[in-house]
PDB file of N, CA and C in Angstrom:
ATOM      1  N   MET A   1       0.906  -1.101  -0.076  1.00  0.00           N
ATOM      2  CA  MET A   1      -0.129  -0.002   0.030  1.00  0.00           C
ATOM      3  C   MET A   1       0.881   1.156  -0.083  1.00  0.00           C
ATOM      4  N   LYS A   2       0.686   2.215  -0.901  1.00  0.00           N
ATOM      5  CA  LYS A   2       1.399   3.424  -0.972  1.00  0.00           C
ATOM      6  C   LYS A   2       0.909   4.367  -0.064  1.00  0.00           C
ATOM      7  N   ARG A   3       1.641   5.265   0.502  1.00  0.00           N
ATOM      8  CA  ARG A   3       1.397   6.229   1.781  1.00  0.00           C
ATOM      9  C   ARG A   3       1.537   7.479   1.057  1.00  0.00           C
ATOM     10  N   THR A   4       0.819   8.353   1.078  1.00  0.00           N
ATOM     11  CA  THR A   4       0.909   9.880   0.813  1.00  0.00           C
ATOM     12  C   THR A   4       1.661  10.602   1.795  1.00  0.00           C
ATOM     13  N   PRO A   5       2.774  11.248   1.312  1.00  0.00           N
ATOM     14  CA  PRO A   5       3.685  12.063   2.404  1.00  0.00           C
ATOM     15  C   PRO A   5       2.909  13.109   3.131  1.00  0.00           C
ATOM     16  N   LEU A   6       3.307  13.065   4.299  1.00  0.00           N
ATOM     17  CA  LEU A   6       2.391  14.248   5.167  1.00  0.00           C
ATOM     18  C   LEU A   6       3.109  15.448   4.801  1.00  0.00           C
ATOM     19  N   LYS A   7       2.190  16.488   4.389  1.00  0.00           N
ATOM     20  CA  LYS A   7       2.461  17.908   4.254  1.00  0.00           C
ATOM     21  C   LYS A   7       2.374  18.686   5.340  1.00  0.00           C
ATOM     22  N   ARG A   8       3.313  19.363   5.942  1.00  0.00           N
ATOM     23  CA  ARG A   8       2.925  20.335   7.007  1.00  0.00           C
ATOM     24  C   ARG A   8       2.927  21.783   6.246  1.00  0.00           C
ATOM     25  N   LYS A   9       1.926  22.551   6.894  1.00  0.00           N
ATOM     26  CA  LYS A   9       1.629  23.840   6.426  1.00  0.00           C
ATOM     27  C   LYS A   9       2.598  24.736   7.218  1.00  0.00           C
ATOM     28  N   LYS A  10       2.968  24.518   8.419  1.00  0.00           N
ATOM     29  CA  LYS A  10       4.043  24.930   9.350  1.00  0.00           C
ATOM     30  C   LYS A  10       5.048  24.135   9.792  1.00  0.00           C
ATOM     31  N   GLY A  11       5.983  24.578  10.105  1.00  0.00           N
ATOM     32  CA  GLY A  11       7.037  23.856  10.696  1.00  0.00           C
ATOM     33  C   GLY A  11       6.956  23.241  12.150  1.00  0.00           C
ATOM     34  N   LEU A  12       7.642  22.547  12.655  1.00  0.00           N
ATOM     35  CA  LEU A  12       7.419  21.784  13.981  1.00  0.00           C
ATOM     36  C   LEU A  12       7.754  22.921  14.942  1.00  0.00           C
ATOM     37  N   LYS A  13       6.890  23.205  15.895  1.00  0.00           N
ATOM     38  CA  LYS A  13       7.474  23.946  16.946  1.00  0.00           C
ATOM     39  C   LYS A  13       8.465  23.799  17.691  1.00  0.00           C
ATOM     40  N   ARG A  14       9.402  24.228  18.125  1.00  0.00           N
ATOM     41  CA  ARG A  14      10.541  24.192  18.809  1.00  0.00           C
ATOM     42  C   ARG A  14      10.553  25.324  19.975  1.00  0.00           C
ATOM     43  N   GLY A  15      10.156  24.771  20.991  1.00  0.00           N
ATOM     44  CA  GLY A  15      10.020  25.693  22.104  1.00  0.00           C
ATOM     45  C   GLY A  15      11.446  25.772  23.006  1.00  0.00           C
ATOM     46  N   GLY A  16      11.725  26.015  24.143  1.00  0.00           N
ATOM     47  CA  GLY A  16      12.872  25.996  24.905  1.00  0.00           C
ATOM     48  C   GLY A  16      13.216  24.777  25.253  1.00  0.00           C
ATOM     49  N   ARG A  17      14.073  24.496  26.299  1.00  0.00           N
ATOM     50  CA  ARG A  17      14.380  23.405  26.989  1.00  0.00           C
ATOM     51  C   ARG A  17      13.225  23.109  27.854  1.00  0.00           C
ATOM     52  N   LEU A  18      13.252  21.611  28.051  1.00  0.00           N
ATOM     53  CA  LEU A  18      12.212  20.999  28.850  1.00  0.00           C
ATOM     54  C   LEU A  18      12.866  21.505  30.404  1.00  0.00           C
ATOM     55  N   PRO A  19      11.774  21.877  31.433  1.00  0.00           N
ATOM     56  CA  PRO A  19      12.051  22.066  32.658  1.00  0.00           C
ATOM     57  C   PRO A  19      12.993  20.738  33.506  1.00  0.00           C
ATOM     58  N   ARG A  20      13.938  20.986  33.967  1.00  0.00           N
ATOM     59  CA  ARG A  20      14.599  19.853  34.893  1.00  0.00           C
ATOM     60  C   ARG A  20      13.848  19.134  35.761  1.00  0.00           C
ATOM     61  N   PHE A  21      13.132  19.791  36.409  1.00  0.00           N
ATOM     62  CA  PHE A  21      12.008  19.304  37.508  1.00  0.00           C
ATOM     63  C   PHE A  21      10.715  19.664  37.219  1.00  0.00           C
ATOM     64  N   SER A  22       9.811  18.715  37.578  1.00  0.00           N
ATOM     65  CA  SER A  22       8.392  19.253  37.688  1.00  0.00           C
ATOM     66  C   SER A  22       8.324  19.928  39.090  1.00  0.00           C
ATOM     67  N   PRO A  23       7.327  20.982  39.382  1.00  0.00           N
ATOM     68  CA  PRO A  23       7.091  21.689  40.542  1.00  0.00           C
ATOM     69  C   PRO A  23       7.421  20.775  41.527  1.00  0.00           C
ATOM     70  N   LEU A  24       6.742  19.774  41.802  1.00  0.00           N
ATOM     71  CA  LEU A  24       6.701  18.857  42.972  1.00  0.00           C
ATOM     72  C   LEU A  24       8.292  18.141  42.951  1.00  0.00           C
ATOM     73  N   GLY A  25       8.905  17.903  41.845  1.00  0.00           N
ATOM     74  CA  GLY A  25      10.084  17.409  41.935  1.00  0.00           C
ATOM     75  C   GLY A  25      11.048  18.494  42.599  1.00  0.00           C
ATOM     76  N   LYS A  26      10.744  19.852  42.103  1.00  0.00           N
ATOM     77  CA  LYS A  26      11.801  20.733  42.610  1.00  0.00           C
ATOM     78  C   LYS A  26      11.733  21.055  44.047  1.00  0.00           C
ATOM     79  N   LEU A  27      10.452  20.750  44.499  1.00  0.00           N
ATOM     80  CA  LEU A  27      10.181  21.085  45.834  1.00  0.00           C
ATOM     81  C   LEU A  27      10.903  19.954  46.622  1.00  0.00           C
ATOM     82  N   LYS A  28      10.827  18.585  46.247  1.00  0.00           N
ATOM     83  CA  LYS A  28      11.696  17.456  46.788  1.00  0.00           C
ATOM     84  C   LYS A  28      12.887  17.687  46.582  1.00  0.00           C
ATOM     85  N   HIS A  29      13.619  18.287  45.589  1.00  0.00           N
ATOM     86  CA  HIS A  29      15.164  18.576  45.491  1.00  0.00           C
ATOM     87  C   HIS A  29      15.567  19.478  46.251  1.00  0.00           C
ATOM     88  N   ASP A  30      14.755  20.721  46.552  1.00  0.00           N
ATOM     89  CA  ASP A  30      15.327  21.610  47.412  1.00  0.00           C
ATOM     90  C   ASP A  30      15.248  21.122  49.014  1.00  0.00           C
ATOM     91  N   ILE A  31      14.017  20.305  49.512  1.00  0.00           N
ATOM     92  CA  ILE A  31      14.055  19.549  50.561  1.00  0.00           C
ATOM     93  C   ILE A  31      15.427  18.751  50.870  1.00  0.00           C
ATOM     94  N   TYR A  32      15.618  18.148  49.891  1.00  0.00           N
ATOM     95  CA  TYR A  32      16.683  17.174  50.101  1.00  0.00           C
ATOM     96  C   TYR A  32      18.220  17.945  49.892  1.00  0.00           C
ATOM     97  N   ASN A  33      18.388  18.856  49.352  1.00  0.00           N
ATOM     98  CA  ASN A  33      19.394  19.728  49.191  1.00  0.00           C
ATOM     99  C   ASN A  33      19.693  20.402  50.758  1.00  0.00           C
ATOM    100  N   ALA A  34      18.614  20.649  51.533  1.00  0.00           N
ATOM    101  CA  ALA A  34      18.559  21.309  52.812  1.00  0.00           C
ATOM    102  C   ALA A  34      18.866  20.358  53.689  1.00  0.00           C
ATOM    103  N   GLN A  35      18.409  19.101  53.694  1.00  0.00           N
ATOM    104  CA  GLN A  35      18.628  18.080  54.602  1.00  0.00           C
ATOM    105  C   GLN A  35      19.950  17.580  54.439  1.00  0.00           C
ATOM    106  N   ARG A  36      20.502  17.274  53.028  1.00  0.00           N
ATOM    107  CA  ARG A  36      21.870  17.060  52.983  1.00  0.00           C
ATOM    108  C   ARG A  36      22.954  17.817  53.611  1.00  0.00           C
ATOM    109  N   GLU A  37      22.678  19.200  53.402  1.00  0.00           N
ATOM    110  CA  GLU A  37      23.677  19.903  53.749  1.00  0.00           C
ATOM    111  C   GLU A  37      23.906  19.957  55.454  1.00  0.00           C
ATOM    112  N   VAL A  38      22.594  19.740  56.091  1.00  0.00           N
ATOM    113  CA  VAL A  38      22.541  19.664  57.648  1.00  0.00           C
ATOM    114  C   VAL A  38      23.056  18.252  58.109  1.00  0.00           C
ATOM    115  N   PHE A  39      22.803  17.158  57.178  1.00  0.00           N
ATOM    116  CA  PHE A  39      23.331  15.898  57.716  1.00  0.00           C
ATOM    117  C   PHE A  39      24.955  15.781  57.678  1.00  0.00           C
ATOM    118  N   LEU A  40      25.466  16.273  56.568  1.00  0.00           N
ATOM    119  CA  LEU A  40      26.967  16.304  56.436  1.00  0.00           C
ATOM    120  C   LEU A  40      27.648  17.152  57.269  1.00  0.00           C
ATOM    121  N   LEU A  41      26.896  18.248  58.047  1.00  0.00           N
ATOM    122  CA  LEU A  41      27.530  18.809  59.052  1.00  0.00           C
ATOM    123  C   LEU A  41      27.435  18.197  60.560  1.00  0.00           C
ATOM    124  N   GLN A  42      26.794  17.301  60.689  1.00  0.00           N
ATOM    125  CA  GLN A  42      26.539  16.509  61.897  1.00  0.00           C
ATOM    126  C   GLN A  42      27.845  15.903  62.319  1.00  0.00           C
ATOM    127  N   PRO A  43      28.298  15.930  63.434  1.00  0.00           N
ATOM    128  CA  PRO A  43      29.552  15.285  63.885  1.00  0.00           C
ATOM    129  C   PRO A  43      29.701  13.719  63.457  1.00  0.00           C
ATOM    130  N   GLU A  44      28.623  13.073  63.750  1.00  0.00           N
ATOM    131  CA  GLU A  44      28.564  11.484  63.337  1.00  0.00           C
ATOM    132  C   GLU A  44      28.698  11.373  61.679  1.00  0.00           C
ATOM    133  N   HIS A  45      28.502  12.401  60.987  1.00  0.00           N
ATOM    134  CA  HIS A  45      28.524  12.204  59.402  1.00  0.00           C
ATOM    135  C   HIS A  45      29.746  12.885  59.078  1.00  0.00           C
ATOM    136  N   ARG A  46      30.300  13.691  59.693  1.00  0.00           N
ATOM    137  CA  ARG A  46      31.171  14.753  59.177  1.00  0.00           C
ATOM    138  C   ARG A  46      32.203  13.930  58.159  1.00  0.00           C
ATOM    139  N   PHE A  47      32.795  12.888  58.603  1.00  0.00           N
ATOM    140  CA  PHE A  47      33.730  11.944  57.969  1.00  0.00           C
ATOM    141  C   PHE A  47      33.255  11.102  57.359  1.00  0.00           C
ATOM    142  N   CYS A  48      33.912  10.244  56.549  1.00  0.00           N
ATOM    143  CA  CYS A  48      33.572   9.248  55.659  1.00  0.00           C
ATOM    144  C   CYS A  48      33.282   8.135  56.634  1.00  0.00           C
ATOM    145  N   GLU A  49      32.133   7.458  56.219  1.00  0.00           N
ATOM    146  CA  GLU A  49      31.430   6.338  57.279  1.00  0.00           C
ATOM    147  C   GLU A  49      31.981   4.928  56.668  1.00  0.00           C
ATOM    148  N   VAL A  50      32.746   4.757  55.621  1.00  0.00           N
ATOM    149  CA  VAL A  50      33.117   3.488  55.156  1.00  0.00           C
ATOM    150  C   VAL A  50      34.352   3.183  56.020  1.00  0.00           C
ATOM    151  N   ARG A  51      34.327   2.065  56.420  1.00  0.00           N
ATOM    152  CA  ARG A  51      35.308   1.307  57.181  1.00  0.00           C
ATOM    153  C   ARG A  51      36.422   0.678  56.228  1.00  0.00           C
ATOM    154  N   VAL A  52      37.655   0.767  56.662  1.00  0.00           N
ATOM    155  CA  VAL A  52      38.763   0.198  55.748  1.00  0.00           C
ATOM    156  C   VAL A  52      39.565  -0.770  56.545  1.00  0.00           C
ATOM    157  N   TRP A  53      40.109  -1.760  55.759  1.00  0.00           N
ATOM    158  CA  TRP A  53      41.044  -2.652  56.449  1.00  0.00           C
ATOM    159  C   TRP A  53      42.506  -1.662  56.592  1.00  0.00           C
ATOM    160  N   VAL A  54      42.998  -1.901  57.901  1.00  0.00           N
ATOM    161  CA  VAL A  54      44.088  -1.341  58.165  1.00  0.00           C
ATOM    162  C   VAL A  54      45.582  -1.601  57.193  1.00  0.00           C
ATOM    163  N   ALA A  55      45.535  -2.880  56.933  1.00  0.00           N
ATOM    164  CA  ALA A  55      46.590  -3.366  56.169  1.00  0.00           C
ATOM    165  C   ALA A  55      46.676  -2.972  54.584  1.00  0.00           C
ATOM    166  N   THR A  56      45.385  -2.778  54.059  1.00  0.00           N
ATOM    167  CA  THR A  56      45.167  -2.753  52.715  1.00  0.00           C
ATOM    168  C   THR A  56      44.911  -1.458  52.249  1.00  0.00           C
ATOM    169  N   GLY A  57      43.844  -0.874  52.923  1.00  0.00           N
ATOM    170  CA  GLY A  57      43.100   0.298  52.784  1.00  0.00           C
ATOM    171  C   GLY A  57      41.824   0.008  52.014  1.00  0.00           C
ATOM    172  N   LEU A  58      41.441  -1.204  51.688  1.00  0.00           N
ATOM    173  CA  LEU A  58      40.227  -1.469  51.129  1.00  0.00           C
ATOM    174  C   LEU A  58      39.054  -1.598  52.136  1.00  0.00           C
ATOM    175  N   PRO A  59      37.878  -1.348  51.323  1.00  0.00           N
ATOM    176  CA  PRO A  59      36.644  -1.234  52.165  1.00  0.00           C
ATOM    177  C   PRO A  59      36.462  -2.544  53.148  1.00  0.00           C
ATOM    178  N   ALA A  60      35.986  -2.247  54.230  1.00  0.00           N
ATOM    179  CA  ALA A  60      35.867  -3.699  55.278  1.00  0.00           C
ATOM    180  C   ALA A  60      34.215  -3.534  55.403  1.00  0.00           C
ATOM    181  N   PRO A  61      33.907  -4.477  56.374  1.00  0.00           N
ATOM    182  CA  PRO A  61      32.280  -4.802  56.570  1.00  0.00           C
ATOM    183  C   PRO A  61      32.066  -3.192  57.345  1.00  0.00           C
ATOM    184  N   ARG A  62      30.844  -2.967  57.315  1.00  0.00           N
ATOM    185  CA  ARG A  62      30.557  -1.385  57.832  1.00  0.00           C
ATOM    186  C   ARG A  62      30.461  -1.665  59.314  1.00  0.00           C
ATOM    187  N   HIS A  63      29.982  -2.624  59.758  1.00  0.00           N
ATOM    188  CA  HIS A  63      29.980  -2.822  61.163  1.00  0.00           C
ATOM    189  C   HIS A  63      31.012  -3.427  61.998  1.00  0.00           C
ATOM    190  N   ASP A  64      32.050  -3.651  61.304  1.00  0.00           N
ATOM    191  CA  ASP A  64      33.358  -4.132  61.947  1.00  0.00           C
ATOM    192  C   ASP A  64      34.121  -3.238  62.622  1.00  0.00           C
ATOM    193  N   ARG A  65      34.131  -3.398  64.155  1.00  0.00           N
ATOM    194  CA  ARG A  65      34.933  -2.410  64.739  1.00  0.00           C
ATOM    195  C   ARG A  65      36.245  -2.937  65.326  1.00  0.00           C
ATOM    196  N   SER A  66      36.748  -4.220  64.811  1.00  0.00           N
ATOM    197  CA  SER A  66      37.671  -4.806  65.252  1.00  0.00           C
ATOM    198  C   SER A  66      39.051  -3.877  64.972  1.00  0.00           C
ATOM    199  N   MET A  67      40.344  -4.417  65.530  1.00  0.00           N
ATOM    200  CA  MET A  67      41.442  -3.707  65.335  1.00  0.00           C
ATOM    201  C   MET A  67      42.066  -3.659  64.117  1.00  0.00           C
ATOM    202  N   LEU A  68      41.349  -4.711  63.304  1.00  0.00           N
ATOM    203  CA  LEU A  68      41.952  -4.542  62.071  1.00  0.00           C
ATOM    204  C   LEU A  68      41.293  -3.619  60.943  1.00  0.00           C
ATOM    205  N   THR A  69      40.464  -3.090  61.515  1.00  0.00           N
ATOM    206  CA  THR A  69      39.727  -1.877  60.603  1.00  0.00           C
ATOM    207  C   THR A  69      39.727  -0.505  61.344  1.00  0.00           C
ATOM    208  N   ARG A  70      39.509   0.269  60.350  1.00  0.00           N
ATOM    209  CA  ARG A  70      39.559   1.681  60.951  1.00  0.00           C
ATOM    210  C   ARG A  70      38.616   2.646  60.089  1.00  0.00           C
ATOM    211  N   PRO A  71      38.091   3.936  60.540  1.00  0.00           N
ATOM    212  CA  PRO A  71      37.431   4.725  59.657  1.00  0.00           C
ATOM    213  C   PRO A  71      38.340   5.074  58.679  1.00  0.00           C
ATOM    214  N   CYS A  72      37.561   5.635  57.407  1.00  0.00           N
ATOM    215  CA  CYS A  72      38.426   6.099  56.328  1.00  0.00           C
ATOM    216  C   CYS A  72      39.144   7.316  56.799  1.00  0.00           C
ATOM    217  N   GLY A  73      38.418   8.349  57.551  1.00  0.00           N
ATOM    218  CA  GLY A  73      39.206   9.665  58.048  1.00  0.00           C
ATOM    219  C   GLY A  73      38.922  10.713  56.976  1.00  0.00           C
ATOM    220  N   LYS A  74      38.537  10.529  55.916  1.00  0.00           N
ATOM    221  CA  LYS A  74      38.406  11.748  55.081  1.00  0.00           C
ATOM    222  C   LYS A  74      36.860  12.514  55.139  1.00  0.00           C
ATOM    223  N   ARG A  75      37.091  13.804  54.820  1.00  0.00           N
ATOM    224  CA  ARG A  75      35.776  14.319  54.846  1.00  0.00           C
ATOM    225  C   ARG A  75      34.796  13.942  54.057  1.00  0.00           C
ATOM    226  N   SER A  76      33.680  13.826  54.644  1.00  0.00           N
ATOM    227  CA  SER A  76      32.288  13.409  53.925  1.00  0.00           C
ATOM    228  C   SER A  76      31.859  14.556  52.956  1.00  0.00           C
ATOM    229  N   THR A  77      31.598  14.205  51.617  1.00  0.00           N
ATOM    230  CA  THR A  77      31.314  15.082  50.685  1.00  0.00           C
ATOM    231  C   THR A  77      29.983  14.895  49.927  1.00  0.00           C
ATOM    232  N   GLN A  78      29.856  13.635  50.072  1.00  0.00           N
ATOM    233  CA  GLN A  78      28.300  13.127  49.453  1.00  0.00           C
ATOM    234  C   GLN A  78      27.544  12.166  50.276  1.00  0.00           C
ATOM    235  N   VAL A  79      26.431  12.072  49.937  1.00  0.00           N
ATOM    236  CA  VAL A  79      25.502  11.278  50.706  1.00  0.00           C
ATOM    237  C   VAL A  79      25.278  10.123  49.914  1.00  0.00           C
ATOM    238  N   HIS A  80      25.425   8.740  50.641  1.00  0.00           N
ATOM    239  CA  HIS A  80      25.132   7.545  50.054  1.00  0.00           C
ATOM    240  C   HIS A  80      23.991   7.004  50.601  1.00  0.00           C
ATOM    241  N   HIS A  81      22.770   6.633  49.472  1.00  0.00           N
ATOM    242  CA  HIS A  81      21.515   5.934  49.931  1.00  0.00           C
ATOM    243  C   HIS A  81      21.748   4.662  50.043  1.00  0.00           C
ATOM    244  N   THR A  82      21.958   4.164  51.273  1.00  0.00           N
ATOM    245  CA  THR A  82      21.836   2.966  51.388  1.00  0.00           C
ATOM    246  C   THR A  82      20.703   1.784  50.803  1.00  0.00           C
ATOM    247  N   ARG A  83      19.515   2.303  50.649  1.00  0.00           N
ATOM    248  CA  ARG A  83      18.516   1.812  50.323  1.00  0.00           C
ATOM    249  C   ARG A  83      17.861   2.355  48.731  1.00  0.00           C
ATOM    250  N   GLY A  84      18.847   3.118  48.081  1.00  0.00           N
ATOM    251  CA  GLY A  84      18.506   3.639  47.048  1.00  0.00           C
ATOM    252  C   GLY A  84      17.779   4.766  47.120  1.00  0.00           C
ATOM    253  N   ARG A  85      17.391   5.418  45.944  1.00  0.00           N
ATOM    254  CA  ARG A  85      16.570   6.966  46.049  1.00  0.00           C
ATOM    255  C   ARG A  85      15.279   6.952  45.729  1.00  0.00           C
ATOM    256  N   GLY A  86      14.843   5.896  45.967  1.00  0.00           N
ATOM    257  CA  GLY A  86      13.353   5.581  45.431  1.00  0.00           C
ATOM    258  C   GLY A  86      12.380   6.047  46.682  1.00  0.00           C
ATOM    259  N   ARG A  87      11.654   5.060  47.414  1.00  0.00           N
ATOM    260  CA  ARG A  87      10.958   5.614  48.681  1.00  0.00           C
ATOM    261  C   ARG A  87      11.644   6.097  49.677  1.00  0.00           C
ATOM    262  N   TRP A  88      12.885   5.697  49.839  1.00  0.00           N
ATOM    263  CA  TRP A  88      13.485   6.029  51.051  1.00  0.00           C
ATOM    264  C   TRP A  88      14.693   7.293  50.799  1.00  0.00           C
ATOM    265  N   HIS A  89      14.432   7.907  49.947  1.00  0.00           N
ATOM    266  CA  HIS A  89      15.052   9.098  49.259  1.00  0.00           C
ATOM    267  C   HIS A  89      15.367  10.154  50.383  1.00  0.00           C
ATOM    268  N   LEU A  90      14.324  10.527  51.218  1.00  0.00           N
ATOM    269  CA  LEU A  90      14.492  11.633  52.003  1.00  0.00           C
ATOM    270  C   LEU A  90      14.383  11.155  53.640  1.00  0.00           C
ATOM    271  N   ASP A  91      14.434   9.708  53.671  1.00  0.00           N
ATOM    272  CA  ASP A  91      14.694   9.274  55.032  1.00  0.00           C
ATOM    273  C   ASP A  91      16.191   9.152  55.349  1.00  0.00           C
ATOM    274  N   MET A  92      16.717   9.872  56.354  1.00  0.00           N
ATOM    275  CA  MET A  92      18.214   9.896  56.830  1.00  0.00           C
ATOM    276  C   MET A  92      18.325   8.818  57.510  1.00  0.00           C
ATOM    277  N   LYS A  93      17.478   7.624  58.019  1.00  0.00           N
ATOM    278  CA  LYS A  93      18.062   6.450  58.624  1.00  0.00           C
ATOM    279  C   LYS A  93      18.701   5.795  57.405  1.00  0.00           C
ATOM    280  N   TYR A  94      18.704   6.128  56.376  1.00  0.00           N
ATOM    281  CA  TYR A  94      19.405   5.291  55.354  1.00  0.00           C
ATOM    282  C   TYR A  94      20.321   5.922  54.626  1.00  0.00           C
ATOM    283  N   TRP A  95      20.891   6.926  55.158  1.00  0.00           N
ATOM    284  CA  TRP A  95      21.973   7.775  54.542  1.00  0.00           C
ATOM    285  C   TRP A  95      23.200   7.588  55.224  1.00  0.00           C
ATOM    286  N   MET A  96      24.289   7.695  54.285  1.00  0.00           N
ATOM    287  CA  MET A  96      25.723   7.618  54.909  1.00  0.00           C
ATOM    288  C   MET A  96      26.511   8.779  54.650  1.00  0.00           C
ATOM    289  N   GLY A  97      27.455   9.424  55.412  1.00  0.00           N
ATOM    290  CA  GLY A  97      28.102  10.298  54.765  1.00  0.00           C
ATOM    291  C   GLY A  97      29.563   9.617  54.257  1.00  0.00           C
ATOM    292  N   VAL A  98      29.675   9.926  52.997  1.00  0.00           N
ATOM    293  CA  VAL A  98      30.943   9.287  52.408  1.00  0.00           C
ATOM    294  C   VAL A  98      31.674  10.115  51.380  1.00  0.00           C
ATOM    295  N   GLU A  99      33.080  10.178  51.125  1.00  0.00           N
ATOM    296  CA  GLU A  99      33.875  10.652  50.308  1.00  0.00           C
ATOM    297  C   GLU A  99      33.658  10.243  48.887  1.00  0.00           C
ATOM    298  N   GLN A 100      34.127  11.048  47.782  1.00  0.00           N
ATOM    299  CA  GLN A 100      33.825  10.784  46.604  1.00  0.00           C
ATOM    300  C   GLN A 100      34.407   9.402  46.084  1.00  0.00           C
ATOM    301  N   ALA A 101      35.465   9.161  46.424  1.00  0.00           N
ATOM    302  CA  ALA A 101      36.398   7.763  45.879  1.00  0.00           C
ATOM    303  C   ALA A 101      35.378   6.599  46.755  1.00  0.00           C
ATOM    304  N   HIS A 102      34.989   6.557  47.655  1.00  0.00           N
ATOM    305  CA  HIS A 102      34.276   5.499  48.500  1.00  0.00           C
ATOM    306  C   HIS A 102      33.215   5.356  47.746  1.00  0.00           C
ATOM    307  N   HIS A 103      32.343   6.518  47.654  1.00  0.00           N
ATOM    308  CA  HIS A 103      30.996   6.239  46.886  1.00  0.00           C
ATOM    309  C   HIS A 103      31.199   5.838  45.627  1.00  0.00           C
ATOM    310  N   ARG A 104      32.090   6.301  44.941  1.00  0.00           N
ATOM    311  CA  ARG A 104      32.182   5.460  43.330  1.00  0.00           C
ATOM    312  C   ARG A 104      32.419   4.060  43.642  1.00  0.00           C
ATOM    313  N   TRP A 105      33.375   3.593  44.585  1.00  0.00           N
ATOM    314  CA  TRP A 105      33.601   2.265  44.738  1.00  0.00           C
ATOM    315  C   TRP A 105      32.311   1.409  44.990  1.00  0.00           C
ATOM    316  N   ILE A 106      31.496   1.854  46.063  1.00  0.00           N
ATOM    317  CA  ILE A 106      29.973   1.429  46.492  1.00  0.00           C
ATOM    318  C   ILE A 106      29.139   1.301  45.282  1.00  0.00           C
ATOM    319  N   THR A 107      29.101   2.288  44.478  1.00  0.00           N
ATOM    320  CA  THR A 107      28.517   2.177  43.256  1.00  0.00           C
ATOM    321  C   THR A 107      28.975   1.296  41.912  1.00  0.00           C
ATOM    322  N   ASP A 108      30.290   1.153  42.038  1.00  0.00           N
ATOM    323  CA  ASP A 108      30.863   0.338  40.878  1.00  0.00           C
ATOM    324  C   ASP A 108      30.669  -1.100  41.210  1.00  0.00           C
ATOM    325  N   ASN A 109      30.766  -1.478  42.661  1.00  0.00           N
ATOM    326  CA  ASN A 109      31.022  -2.747  43.104  1.00  0.00           C
ATOM    327  C   ASN A 109      29.695  -3.173  43.920  1.00  0.00           C
ATOM    328  N   GLY A 110      28.568  -3.171  43.408  1.00  0.00           N
ATOM    329  CA  GLY A 110      27.216  -3.364  44.163  1.00  0.00           C
ATOM    330  C   GLY A 110      27.137  -4.601  44.939  1.00  0.00           C
ATOM    331  N   LYS A 111      27.715  -5.725  44.218  1.00  0.00           N
ATOM    332  CA  LYS A 111      27.667  -7.078  44.968  1.00  0.00           C
ATOM    333  C   LYS A 111      28.579  -7.121  46.140  1.00  0.00           C
ATOM    334  N   GLN A 112      29.836  -6.646  46.169  1.00  0.00           N
ATOM    335  CA  GLN A 112      30.616  -6.457  47.368  1.00  0.00           C
ATOM    336  C   GLN A 112      30.136  -5.579  48.292  1.00  0.00           C
ATOM    337  N   ALA A 113      29.699  -4.377  47.717  1.00  0.00           N
ATOM    338  CA  ALA A 113      29.220  -3.419  48.850  1.00  0.00           C
ATOM    339  C   ALA A 113      28.032  -3.971  49.397  1.00  0.00           C
ATOM    340  N   GLU A 114      27.157  -4.771  48.888  1.00  0.00           N
ATOM    341  CA  GLU A 114      25.911  -5.291  49.428  1.00  0.00           C
ATOM    342  C   GLU A 114      26.493  -6.279  50.710  1.00  0.00           C
ATOM    343  N   GLU A 115      27.667  -7.221  50.223  1.00  0.00           N
ATOM    344  CA  GLU A 115      28.017  -7.858  51.294  1.00  0.00           C
ATOM    345  C   GLU A 115      28.566  -7.463  52.461  1.00  0.00           C
ATOM    346  N   LEU A 116      29.409  -6.255  52.050  1.00  0.00           N
ATOM    347  CA  LEU A 116      29.876  -5.494  53.341  1.00  0.00           C
ATOM    348  C   LEU A 116      29.050  -4.703  54.029  1.00  0.00           C
ATOM    349  N   GLY A 117      27.591  -4.651  53.712  1.00  0.00           N
ATOM    350  CA  GLY A 117      26.597  -3.858  54.377  1.00  0.00           C
ATOM    351  C   GLY A 117      26.442  -2.305  54.110  1.00  0.00           C
ATOM    352  N   TYR A 118      27.104  -2.031  52.887  1.00  0.00           N
ATOM    353  CA  TYR A 118      26.821  -0.548  52.362  1.00  0.00           C
ATOM    354  C   TYR A 118      25.798  -0.391  51.499  1.00  0.00           C
ATOM    355  N   VAL A 119      25.021  -1.366  50.899  1.00  0.00           N
ATOM    356  CA  VAL A 119      23.896  -1.476  50.147  1.00  0.00           C
ATOM    357  C   VAL A 119      22.826  -2.308  50.930  1.00  0.00           C
ATOM    358  N   GLU A 120      21.628  -1.970  50.968  1.00  0.00           N
ATOM    359  CA  GLU A 120      20.764  -2.665  51.569  1.00  0.00           C
ATOM    360  C   GLU A 120      19.545  -3.105  50.139  1.00  0.00           C
ATOM    361  N   ARG A 121      19.532  -4.256  50.032  1.00  0.00           N
ATOM    362  CA  ARG A 121      18.527  -4.669  48.751  1.00  0.00           C
ATOM    363  C   ARG A 121      17.338  -4.984  49.448  1.00  0.00           C
ATOM    364  N   VAL A 122      16.465  -4.263  48.980  1.00  0.00           N
ATOM    365  CA  VAL A 122      14.816  -4.460  49.663  1.00  0.00           C
ATOM    366  C   VAL A 122      14.009  -5.143  48.901  1.00  0.00           C
ATOM    367  N   ARG A 123      13.520  -6.272  49.095  1.00  0.00           N
ATOM    368  CA  ARG A 123      12.514  -7.185  48.311  1.00  0.00           C
ATOM    369  C   ARG A 123      11.310  -6.551  48.755  1.00  0.00           C
ATOM    370  N   GLU A 124      10.754  -6.159  47.762  1.00  0.00           N
ATOM    371  CA  GLU A 124       9.103  -5.365  48.207  1.00  0.00           C
ATOM    372  C   GLU A 124       8.254  -6.512  47.774  1.00  0.00           C
ATOM    373  N   ARG A 125       7.200  -6.657  48.459  1.00  0.00           N
ATOM    374  CA  ARG A 125       6.174  -7.651  48.261  1.00  0.00           C
ATOM    375  C   ARG A 125       5.117  -6.627  47.166  1.00  0.00           C
ATOM    376  N   HIS A 126       4.355  -7.350  46.271  1.00  0.00           N
ATOM    377  CA  HIS A 126       3.574  -6.779  45.410  1.00  0.00           C
ATOM    378  C   HIS A 126       2.149  -7.007  45.675  1.00  0.00           C
TER     379      HIS A 126
END
């Protein structure tokens, strides 16, 4: 079957850029930014919360407080969401203060990070 080409009388309307956030998304983003600033200034989150092995400097289990591990010691610059950024995005119970290199490691090594306690996989019931 042969189709007739579509003929436009006017060109396509090209407006400006799409907004980055919806009005509700912008409100949530603004709330998150304010909470994040306060969170990273709290004494218990001021320094990176990733534990590292003393001998190698590689990430260690999160709750291991033995003599073989120590805190990273670098200043926290980012918030890691242990349960992801979905439903728990604004819930500070599931936040960790981390420095950029350890946050990248957690993101790139999801399976290992989960085994060490830096990522929580939530199995939701449908």
